[in-house]
Amino acid sequence: MKGRTLAWELVEIAGAIAATYRAGKWAVACAYLERGYDAVGGEYLVLPVFYWLAYQAIHNFTGFWREIYADRKERSRKASGM
């Protein structure tokens, strides 16, 4: 059971990192369009917030599906008489 939990955590973290990367690329592109030149500014301060929001959303989504899967598994176990 512990291996499955670790696997789900890794999926959640990988998903959050991928979403943060895409949001970061978008934020940097928007900042460049606004300024007209490359610079480092507040768009990088938003990346931890993006990561946290993405992780929470993915964690809630996977938790929902894990709960449904566990419930379905328990029902089938009861139906088979085990």
Protein backbone atom coordinates (compact mmCIF):
# COMPACT_ATOMS: atom_id res chain seq x y z
CA MET A 1 0.00 0.00 0.00
CA LYS A 2 2.85 2.35 0.79
CA GLY A 3 4.30 1.96 -2.71
CA ARG A 4 1.01 2.97 -4.28
CA THR A 5 0.82 6.05 -2.08
CA LEU A 6 4.35 7.01 -3.09
CA ALA A 7 3.48 6.49 -6.73
CA TRP A 8 0.43 8.75 -6.43
CA GLU A 9 2.52 11.41 -4.68
CA LEU A 10 5.08 11.29 -7.49
CA VAL A 11 2.30 11.64 -10.08
CA GLU A 12 0.89 14.62 -8.19
CA ILE A 13 4.28 16.31 -7.91
CA ALA A 14 5.14 15.67 -11.57
CA GLY A 15 1.80 17.09 -12.65
CA ALA A 16 2.24 20.17 -10.49
CA ILE A 17 5.74 20.74 -11.87
CA ALA A 18 4.49 20.39 -15.45
CA ALA A 19 1.63 22.82 -14.83
CA THR A 20 3.98 25.28 -13.11
CA TYR A 21 6.40 25.10 -16.03
CA ARG A 22 3.63 25.89 -18.51
CA ALA A 23 2.28 28.72 -16.33
CA GLY A 24 5.81 30.10 -15.94
CA LYS A 25 6.38 30.08 -19.69
CA TRP A 26 3.07 31.91 -20.11
CA ALA A 27 3.89 34.49 -17.41
CA VAL A 28 7.32 35.22 -18.87
CA ALA A 29 5.86 35.58 -22.37
CA CYS A 30 3.16 37.97 -21.11
CA ALA A 31 5.74 40.03 -19.24
CA TYR A 32 7.92 40.22 -22.37
CA LEU A 33 4.96 41.38 -24.46
CA GLU A 34 4.10 44.02 -21.87
CA ARG A 35 7.65 45.33 -21.45
CA GLY A 36 9.03 44.76 -24.91
CA TYR A 37 12.35 43.47 -23.59
CA ASP A 38 13.72 40.59 -21.50
CA ALA A 39 13.90 41.23 -17.77
CA VAL A 40 13.43 39.45 -14.48
CA GLY A 41 10.49 40.69 -12.48
CA GLY A 42 7.44 39.74 -10.50
CA GLU A 43 6.39 36.96 -12.84
CA TYR A 44 8.91 34.70 -11.08
CA LEU A 45 7.41 35.49 -7.68
CA VAL A 46 4.12 33.98 -8.82
CA LEU A 47 5.61 30.56 -9.65
CA PRO A 48 5.39 29.16 -6.09
CA VAL A 49 1.73 30.17 -6.01
CA PHE A 50 1.17 28.43 -9.35
CA TYR A 51 2.88 25.31 -8.00
CA TRP A 52 0.80 25.26 -4.82
CA LEU A 53 -2.47 25.76 -6.69
CA ALA A 54 -1.62 23.08 -9.26
CA TYR A 55 -0.55 20.61 -6.56
CA GLN A 56 -3.73 21.18 -4.55
CA ALA A 57 -5.94 20.76 -7.61
CA ILE A 58 -4.19 17.58 -8.72
CA HIS A 59 -4.10 16.21 -5.16
CA ASN A 60 -7.85 16.75 -4.77
CA PHE A 61 -8.56 15.21 -8.16
CA THR A 62 -6.43 12.10 -7.56
CA GLY A 63 -7.79 11.77 -4.02
CA PHE A 64 -11.31 11.76 -5.41
CA TRP A 65 -10.46 9.02 -7.90
CA ARG A 66 -8.55 6.96 -5.32
CA GLU A 67 -11.58 7.12 -3.02
CA ILE A 68 -13.91 5.98 -5.81
CA TYR A 69 -11.52 3.16 -6.74
CA ALA A 70 -11.22 1.98 -3.12
CA ASP A 71 -15.00 2.09 -2.66
CA ARG A 72 -15.58 0.11 -5.86
CA LYS A 73 -12.96 -2.43 -4.83
CA GLU A 74 -14.58 -2.83 -1.40
CA ARG A 75 -18.02 -3.31 -2.93
CA SER A 76 -16.78 -6.00 -5.30
CA ARG A 77 -15.03 -7.74 -2.39
CA LYS A 78 -18.28 -7.76 -0.37
CA ALA A 79 -20.28 -8.96 -3.37
CA SER A 80 -17.93 -11.89 -3.94
CA GLY A 81 -18.17 -12.89 -0.27
CA MET A 82 -14.50 -12.49 0.59
